[in-house]
Amino acid sequence: MWSFFARDPVKDFAYEILPDTQEKSGIWTLHRGKRKTSGEPVSVFVYEVAQGTEQQTQLAKAAFKRMKTLRHPNILAYVDGLETEKSLYLVTEQVTPLAVHLKAQADRGGAGELEVSWGLHQIVKALSFLINDCHLLHNNLGVWAVFVDRAGEWKLGGLEHVVPEQGDPSGVSLPAPKTVYPDMEKYDPPETPNSGGEKCRAGEVWRLGCLIWEVFNGPLPRTSSLRSLGKIPKALIPNYCELVGANPRARPNPARFLQNCRNPGGFLSNSFVDSNLFLEEIQIKEPAEKQQFFQDLSDNLDSFPEDFCKHKVLPQLLTAFEFGNAGAVVLTPLFKVGKFLSAEEYQQKIIPVIVKMFSSTDRAMRIRLLQQMEQFIQYLNEAAVNSQIFPHVVHGFTDTNPAIREQTVKSMLLMAPKLNETNLNQELMRHFARLQARDEQGPIRCNTTVCLGKIASYLNAGTRQRVLISAFSRATKDPFPASRSAGVLGFAATHNYYSVTEIAARILPTLCTITVDPDKSVRDQAFKAIKSFLSKLETVSEDPTKLADIEKDVASSAQPAGASSSWAGWAVTGMSSLTSKLIRNAPGTEGGAATEGSRPANATSPPSPTDAPETEMENEDEPVGDRWDDEDWGSLEARFHHSSLNKNAELSKKKREERRKELEAKRAERKAAKGPLKLGARKLD
């Protein structure tokens, strides 16, 4: 029983100190640690009583007590503590001493002014809180008293010498910093020490000036060095000079210093500080303000520090989506921040949110997800894609908005490698067949052909043989010139999946009809494809032993799409630029303003939503797809959307004109037929 009361309390402490992680921080030794139960990282300040003096022990106990009672976002956060006869353990949020942080930043090219500006803003705000709200004096402000957390935010620590402005009512006095560390005297202001009142506050402001000098120029060698500005930014110089002025009464209060630096043109007046201040108050902002902030945030993130984006912006973005109904506006900054995460962090933090987003009925959300799929598709596992994402994505194929149908088709290029047998070879082919048969938009029919050609290598052999020739043959009869070109290029891009019998009996006859296409670029592609297929037939004719090699891929199982060859501008190397580059200028038109006016003699009419039934692709008779190129989708969407609005009117006008000509021709035929009969009758009479 007595052994129970004699147990070492350190062994029962809820935190573990990691070995070989110590860093000297004043009278403390700073260690990295973690919570034993959850592994949460923390910092542990340790003071060994046996190694310190009586004054240092007094300061350590004072800091221990003060840390428990002072709570402020910009003051080092107390988590837990343990006091024994031998040592003191002070557990805080995970931090790094500012001097160590600045050295690490210097090794990487130096800390940016944006990061420093927000750091100084936080320290001045903490100092203002102590002086103006708590009526306390820090008495130990300097680089050694500032710490940096994982997000790069600066925290004020070093509370060993904090005392009430009017003196401690209990009469206990703490030793001054210079009595413990003699070299601290160079940070004392020039006025008489221990004068109390406003002069004590002025002394705090003087040390703030010393801190600013050391942040930009390194350790202060002597007090007189404060006159040399060194690397202090020009925007900060006027405010800095006020801090280290000889007249203590002229030195500004920390709150006024903060206000002066936030004026237009001031050092603390920038997008980074503005964004941080907004994030601190985001819970009380109006929805319209939040929407505007997230829209502007995306442009600013490129200049923000990486750690800040990962540990401060990302949690706010996730919270805004989960609880703030922020909607699609958070997607762009969310994916930008995601680039800073490791694969494991991405899986833990962003993927669950993305999966949830796909179930949203918000059209803006859905189209943003589809447009930016290439940024996160590699982090999605196949199970999640097939069971949680694909069932929601396929609704886009039947959406009334053409832009969503278009983006859904393009997204299949990225999703195809992760789809299972049923979703890829049955469900997706059924939707592609429906688009070819029913979609009134030429670019969408065109892009379906392109997508089919690109994912052909993922299809099983049976689906390829059943679908490809029928689909590409229909595309060559499409009234949209780009679709006809895509059909020809589709044959060429998937040439290795056809037997010589299919080439001779089905493909070449189809391509030959395209050689008289009204559009020259379509004819050119047809001739190239014919030459390529004829070359195969000639090779087999001259050496029949090569037949097996030429047809080796016909019955092959699914393989990566990159394995198939590409030519004539069909394929883009890789898929990195997929969501911004797909459609090329339509053949035979200027500026890509393709219409369905120029059509081959065997072209079918534009599909109608009420025409062909929803059947398998090989039974459909309508066209698809477009071609790959370097034109941006944004302008093309607008262009094709505009053309599609006028397309129905143009087609109706053309149909009326054709009908009129047809009726005139029939009348002429009837007149020609009746004329000779009447003349003959008169002659007989």
Foldseek 3Di string as FASTA:
>chain_A
DVVVVVDDVVVVDQKDFDPPAWDDQPQWIKTWIAGPPPRQIWIKTKHFPVPDDPLSVLLVVVQQVVQVPDDDPQAFHWDDWDDDPGMIITITHDWAQQVVVQVVQVVVPGDDLLLVLQQLLSVLVVCLCCCVVVQKAQLDDASSQWIAHLLSHIHGGNNSQIAHQVGDPVNDHHDHPCVVPVVCVQLFAPDDPPPGDLLSQLRSLSSSLVRLQCSQPNHDPGNVCSVPSPRRDPLCVVLSCLSRPNDSVSRDGSVVSSVVQCPVSHSNPDPSNVLVVCLVVVVVDDLVVVLVSLQVVLVVPVVDDLSNLQPPVLVSLLCCVVPVVSAQSSVNSNLVNVVSDDLVVCLVRPVVVLLVLLPDPDPSSQLSCLLCVVSCLVSDALVSCAPRHVVSLLVQLVDPDVSSNQSSLLSCLSCLVSYDQCCNLPVVQLSLLLCQFAPLFAAFLAASLLSCLLQVLQHALVSNVLALLLALLLQCQALWQQSNLSSLQSCVQPVLQDALVCCVPRVLVSLVLQCPFPFPVSNVSSVVSNVVSVVVVVVCVVPVVCRCVSNVCNRDGHDNSVVTDHDDQADDPDCPCSSFWFADQRGPDPPNLIASPRGGPNHDDRHHNPDDDSDGNSPHNGGGHGGTDDHTPVVVVVSSVVSSVCRVVVVVVVVVVVVVVVVVVVVVVVVVVVVVVVVVVVVVD
